Amino acid sequence: MRLLFVCTGNTCRSPMAEAIARRAAAERGLDDVIVASAGTSAWEGAPASDGALLVAMEHGLDLNSHRAQVLTREVVAAADLILVMGPHHRERAVVLGGDARAHLLTDYASRGQQARPVQDPFGGELDIYRETFDELTQEIAKVFDRIAAERGAGPA
């Protein structure tokens, strides 16, 4: 399974989500899950933001090698599941061919019970990045619970 996280600049939310999801997949023994991220308005090759780097580091994750990539038709086509941070990100993924594979992260994680955007920490204080990291961690755990349940190997 190829999982893609999408935000605006691919420097805060989606790189943190990518790193969190990689670790969650490894912890659950889901070796077939490949995780990537992209941004609808990314500056190609930009590093993760300082806030994202620091908060990820606080949680034992390393975003030093992350480089932003633009969400393109090819990136969308390569993904089996596209999880976006806000409705406008989903709209862009759909335009690029993602339609049924593109979901708001919180909507997919809650099975339609809590559709809401994930807070954008860009330009905010470190505590805002921490809140976003915690929210992403919780939502991604629910995503992997759903994936495991749909595969018949875990909690519903």
C-alpha atoms as a PDB file:
ATOM      1  CA  MET A   1       0.000   0.000   0.000  1.00  0.00           C
ATOM      2  CA  ARG A   2       1.282   3.433  -0.963  1.00  0.00           C
ATOM      3  CA  LEU A   3       0.083   6.116   1.467  1.00  0.00           C
ATOM      4  CA  LEU A   4       0.418   9.820   0.635  1.00  0.00           C
ATOM      5  CA  PHE A   5      -0.053  12.747   3.039  1.00  0.00           C
ATOM      6  CA  VAL A   6      -0.812  16.170   1.559  1.00  0.00           C
ATOM      7  CA  CYS A   7      -0.721  19.687   2.985  1.00  0.00           C
ATOM      8  CA  THR A   8       0.063  23.077   1.460  1.00  0.00           C
ATOM      9  CA  GLY A   9       3.835  23.569   1.557  1.00  0.00           C
ATOM     10  CA  ASN A  10       4.998  20.043   2.450  1.00  0.00           C
ATOM     11  CA  THR A  11       7.194  21.513   5.188  1.00  0.00           C
ATOM     12  CA  CYS A  12       5.093  21.072   8.369  1.00  0.00           C
ATOM     13  CA  ARG A  13       2.013  18.854   8.624  1.00  0.00           C
ATOM     14  CA  SER A  14       2.592  16.345   5.838  1.00  0.00           C
ATOM     15  CA  PRO A  15       6.293  15.689   6.612  1.00  0.00           C
ATOM     16  CA  MET A  16       5.425  15.152  10.282  1.00  0.00           C
ATOM     17  CA  ALA A  17       2.543  12.872   9.229  1.00  0.00           C
ATOM     18  CA  GLU A  18       4.852  10.961   6.901  1.00  0.00           C
ATOM     19  CA  ALA A  19       7.391  10.339   9.676  1.00  0.00           C
ATOM     20  CA  ILE A  20       4.697   9.408  12.214  1.00  0.00           C
ATOM     21  CA  ALA A  21       3.086   7.006   9.736  1.00  0.00           C
ATOM     22  CA  ARG A  22       6.404   5.361   8.854  1.00  0.00           C
ATOM     23  CA  ARG A  23       7.038   4.658  12.514  1.00  0.00           C
ATOM     24  CA  ALA A  24       3.448   3.456  13.098  1.00  0.00           C
ATOM     25  CA  ALA A  25       3.657   1.092  10.123  1.00  0.00           C
ATOM     26  CA  ALA A  26       6.966  -0.315  11.363  1.00  0.00           C
ATOM     27  CA  GLU A  27       5.642  -0.747  14.915  1.00  0.00           C
ATOM     28  CA  ARG A  28       2.630  -2.637  13.565  1.00  0.00           C
ATOM     29  CA  GLY A  29       4.730  -4.798  11.265  1.00  0.00           C
ATOM     30  CA  LEU A  30       3.109  -3.377   8.133  1.00  0.00           C
ATOM     31  CA  ASP A  31       6.185  -3.723   5.944  1.00  0.00           C
ATOM     32  CA  ASP A  32       4.169  -3.295   2.753  1.00  0.00           C
ATOM     33  CA  VAL A  33       3.093   0.274   3.624  1.00  0.00           C
ATOM     34  CA  ILE A  34       5.148   2.880   1.763  1.00  0.00           C
ATOM     35  CA  VAL A  35       4.650   6.445   2.981  1.00  0.00           C
ATOM     36  CA  ALA A  36       5.276   9.745   1.172  1.00  0.00           C
ATOM     37  CA  SER A  37       4.128  13.355   1.356  1.00  0.00           C
ATOM     38  CA  ALA A  38       3.586  16.306  -0.962  1.00  0.00           C
ATOM     39  CA  GLY A  39       2.244  19.845  -0.976  1.00  0.00           C
ATOM     40  CA  THR A  40      -0.309  21.576  -3.146  1.00  0.00           C
ATOM     41  CA  SER A  41       1.835  24.744  -3.196  1.00  0.00           C
ATOM     42  CA  ALA A  42       5.202  23.296  -2.235  1.00  0.00           C
ATOM     43  CA  TRP A  43       8.511  24.875  -3.073  1.00  0.00           C
ATOM     44  CA  GLU A  44      10.268  21.868  -4.618  1.00  0.00           C
ATOM     45  CA  GLY A  45      13.225  20.749  -2.495  1.00  0.00           C
ATOM     46  CA  ALA A  46      12.458  22.922   0.550  1.00  0.00           C
ATOM     47  CA  PRO A  47      13.429  21.391   3.903  1.00  0.00           C
ATOM     48  CA  ALA A  48      10.992  20.760   6.732  1.00  0.00           C
ATOM     49  CA  SER A  49      10.267  23.852   8.804  1.00  0.00           C
ATOM     50  CA  ASP A  50      12.304  24.445  11.944  1.00  0.00           C
ATOM     51  CA  GLY A  51       9.255  23.849  14.137  1.00  0.00           C
ATOM     52  CA  ALA A  52       8.493  20.524  12.454  1.00  0.00           C
ATOM     53  CA  LEU A  53      12.154  19.471  12.715  1.00  0.00           C
ATOM     54  CA  LEU A  54      12.332  20.295  16.422  1.00  0.00           C
ATOM     55  CA  VAL A  55       9.036  18.705  17.417  1.00  0.00           C
ATOM     56  CA  ALA A  56       9.757  15.573  15.403  1.00  0.00           C
ATOM     57  CA  MET A  57      13.165  15.381  17.091  1.00  0.00           C
ATOM     58  CA  GLU A  58      11.468  15.620  20.510  1.00  0.00           C
ATOM     59  CA  HIS A  59       9.609  12.446  19.526  1.00  0.00           C
ATOM     60  CA  GLY A  60      12.635  10.595  18.176  1.00  0.00           C
ATOM     61  CA  LEU A  61      11.893  11.261  14.502  1.00  0.00           C
ATOM     62  CA  ASP A  62      14.353  12.796  12.052  1.00  0.00           C
ATOM     63  CA  LEU A  63      13.097  15.150   9.325  1.00  0.00           C
ATOM     64  CA  ASN A  64      16.567  16.387   8.332  1.00  0.00           C
ATOM     65  CA  SER A  65      16.527  14.591   4.984  1.00  0.00           C
ATOM     66  CA  HIS A  66      12.971  15.673   4.080  1.00  0.00           C
ATOM     67  CA  ARG A  67      12.647  17.703   0.897  1.00  0.00           C
ATOM     68  CA  ALA A  68       9.313  19.116  -0.220  1.00  0.00           C
ATOM     69  CA  GLN A  69       7.695  17.905  -3.404  1.00  0.00           C
ATOM     70  CA  VAL A  70       4.819  19.386  -5.357  1.00  0.00           C
ATOM     71  CA  LEU A  71       1.605  17.404  -5.619  1.00  0.00           C
ATOM     72  CA  THR A  72       1.429  16.372  -9.272  1.00  0.00           C
ATOM     73  CA  ARG A  73      -0.673  14.009 -11.348  1.00  0.00           C
ATOM     74  CA  GLU A  74       2.216  11.490 -11.174  1.00  0.00           C
ATOM     75  CA  VAL A  75       2.492  11.701  -7.382  1.00  0.00           C
ATOM     76  CA  VAL A  76      -1.273  11.222  -7.061  1.00  0.00           C
ATOM     77  CA  ALA A  77      -1.262   8.292  -9.505  1.00  0.00           C
ATOM     78  CA  ALA A  78       1.423   6.526  -7.448  1.00  0.00           C
ATOM     79  CA  ALA A  79      -0.693   6.585  -4.257  1.00  0.00           C
ATOM     80  CA  ASP A  80      -3.242   3.997  -3.149  1.00  0.00           C
ATOM     81  CA  LEU A  81      -4.573   6.204  -0.335  1.00  0.00           C
ATOM     82  CA  ILE A  82      -4.250  10.007  -0.160  1.00  0.00           C
ATOM     83  CA  LEU A  83      -4.833  11.640   3.223  1.00  0.00           C
ATOM     84  CA  VAL A  84      -5.072  15.415   3.176  1.00  0.00           C
ATOM     85  CA  MET A  85      -4.999  18.037   5.910  1.00  0.00           C
ATOM     86  CA  GLY A  86      -7.794  20.278   4.619  1.00  0.00           C
ATOM     87  CA  PRO A  87     -10.680  20.290   2.128  1.00  0.00           C
ATOM     88  CA  HIS A  88      -8.805  22.423  -0.416  1.00  0.00           C
ATOM     89  CA  HIS A  89      -6.000  19.821  -0.467  1.00  0.00           C
ATOM     90  CA  ARG A  90      -8.555  17.137  -1.303  1.00  0.00           C
ATOM     91  CA  GLU A  91      -9.986  19.308  -4.072  1.00  0.00           C
ATOM     92  CA  ARG A  92      -6.524  19.562  -5.625  1.00  0.00           C
ATOM     93  CA  ALA A  93      -5.879  15.815  -5.302  1.00  0.00           C
ATOM     94  CA  VAL A  94      -9.223  15.115  -6.985  1.00  0.00           C
ATOM     95  CA  VAL A  95      -8.409  17.494  -9.865  1.00  0.00           C
ATOM     96  CA  LEU A  96      -5.151  15.560 -10.323  1.00  0.00           C
ATOM     97  CA  GLY A  97      -6.980  12.224 -10.534  1.00  0.00           C
ATOM     98  CA  GLY A  98      -7.158  11.123  -6.891  1.00  0.00           C
ATOM     99  CA  ASP A  99     -10.954  11.184  -6.547  1.00  0.00           C
ATOM    100  CA  ALA A 100     -12.020   8.070  -4.558  1.00  0.00           C
ATOM    101  CA  ARG A 101      -8.527   7.645  -3.062  1.00  0.00           C
ATOM    102  CA  ALA A 102      -8.370  11.154  -1.529  1.00  0.00           C
ATOM    103  CA  HIS A 103      -9.776  11.729   1.964  1.00  0.00           C
ATOM    104  CA  LEU A 104      -9.551  14.313   4.687  1.00  0.00           C
ATOM    105  CA  LEU A 105      -7.267  12.676   7.285  1.00  0.00           C
ATOM    106  CA  THR A 106      -9.682  13.164  10.174  1.00  0.00           C
ATOM    107  CA  ASP A 107     -12.637  11.954   8.096  1.00  0.00           C
ATOM    108  CA  TYR A 108     -10.860   8.768   7.042  1.00  0.00           C
ATOM    109  CA  ALA A 109      -9.523   8.142  10.562  1.00  0.00           C
ATOM    110  CA  SER A 110     -12.951   8.551  12.181  1.00  0.00           C
ATOM    111  CA  ARG A 111     -14.906   6.800   9.410  1.00  0.00           C
ATOM    112  CA  GLY A 112     -16.871   9.954   8.689  1.00  0.00           C
ATOM    113  CA  GLN A 113     -17.569  10.888  12.310  1.00  0.00           C
ATOM    114  CA  GLN A 114     -15.162  13.834  12.705  1.00  0.00           C
ATOM    115  CA  ALA A 115     -14.313  15.520   9.416  1.00  0.00           C
ATOM    116  CA  ARG A 116     -12.264  18.629  10.181  1.00  0.00           C
ATOM    117  CA  PRO A 117      -9.007  20.137   8.944  1.00  0.00           C
ATOM    118  CA  VAL A 118      -5.756  19.513  10.790  1.00  0.00           C
ATOM    119  CA  GLN A 119      -4.394  22.716  12.327  1.00  0.00           C
ATOM    120  CA  ASP A 120      -1.627  24.356  10.277  1.00  0.00           C
ATOM    121  CA  PRO A 121       1.250  25.284  12.601  1.00  0.00           C
ATOM    122  CA  PHE A 122       3.211  27.195   9.934  1.00  0.00           C
ATOM    123  CA  GLY A 123       4.673  30.373  11.434  1.00  0.00           C
ATOM    124  CA  GLY A 124       3.318  29.558  14.889  1.00  0.00           C
ATOM    125  CA  GLU A 125       4.984  28.971  18.224  1.00  0.00           C
ATOM    126  CA  LEU A 126       6.553  25.606  19.017  1.00  0.00           C
ATOM    127  CA  ASP A 127       3.537  24.691  21.173  1.00  0.00           C
ATOM    128  CA  ILE A 128       1.311  24.901  18.081  1.00  0.00           C
ATOM    129  CA  TYR A 129       3.639  22.453  16.295  1.00  0.00           C
ATOM    130  CA  ARG A 130       3.434  20.165  19.323  1.00  0.00           C
ATOM    131  CA  GLU A 131      -0.378  20.283  19.276  1.00  0.00           C
ATOM    132  CA  THR A 132      -0.396  19.491  15.561  1.00  0.00           C
ATOM    133  CA  PHE A 133       2.098  16.642  16.046  1.00  0.00           C
ATOM    134  CA  ASP A 134      -0.082  15.162  18.797  1.00  0.00           C
ATOM    135  CA  GLU A 135      -3.212  15.486  16.644  1.00  0.00           C
ATOM    136  CA  LEU A 136      -1.454  13.807  13.706  1.00  0.00           C
ATOM    137  CA  THR A 137      -0.225  10.985  15.958  1.00  0.00           C
ATOM    138  CA  GLN A 138      -3.760  10.296  17.218  1.00  0.00           C
ATOM    139  CA  GLU A 139      -5.366  10.449  13.769  1.00  0.00           C
ATOM    140  CA  ILE A 140      -2.686   8.295  12.128  1.00  0.00           C
ATOM    141  CA  ALA A 141      -3.097   5.642  14.840  1.00  0.00           C
ATOM    142  CA  LYS A 142      -6.804   5.525  13.911  1.00  0.00           C
ATOM    143  CA  VAL A 143      -5.883   5.273  10.214  1.00  0.00           C
ATOM    144  CA  PHE A 144      -3.707   2.242  10.912  1.00  0.00           C
ATOM    145  CA  ASP A 145      -6.443   0.736  13.104  1.00  0.00           C
ATOM    146  CA  ARG A 146      -8.773   1.070  10.117  1.00  0.00           C
ATOM    147  CA  ILE A 147      -6.244  -0.386   7.677  1.00  0.00           C
ATOM    148  CA  ALA A 148      -5.625  -3.331  10.005  1.00  0.00           C
ATOM    149  CA  ALA A 149      -9.367  -3.899  10.481  1.00  0.00           C
ATOM    150  CA  GLU A 150      -9.998  -3.797   6.739  1.00  0.00           C
ATOM    151  CA  ARG A 151      -7.243  -6.365   6.298  1.00  0.00           C
ATOM    152  CA  GLY A 152      -8.873  -8.475   9.012  1.00  0.00           C
ATOM    153  CA  ALA A 153      -5.895  -8.223  11.338  1.00  0.00           C
ATOM    154  CA  GLY A 154      -6.735  -5.801  14.112  1.00  0.00           C
ATOM    155  CA  PRO A 155      -9.132  -3.573  16.027  1.00  0.00           C
ATOM    156  CA  ALA A 156     -12.159  -2.134  14.261  1.00  0.00           C
END
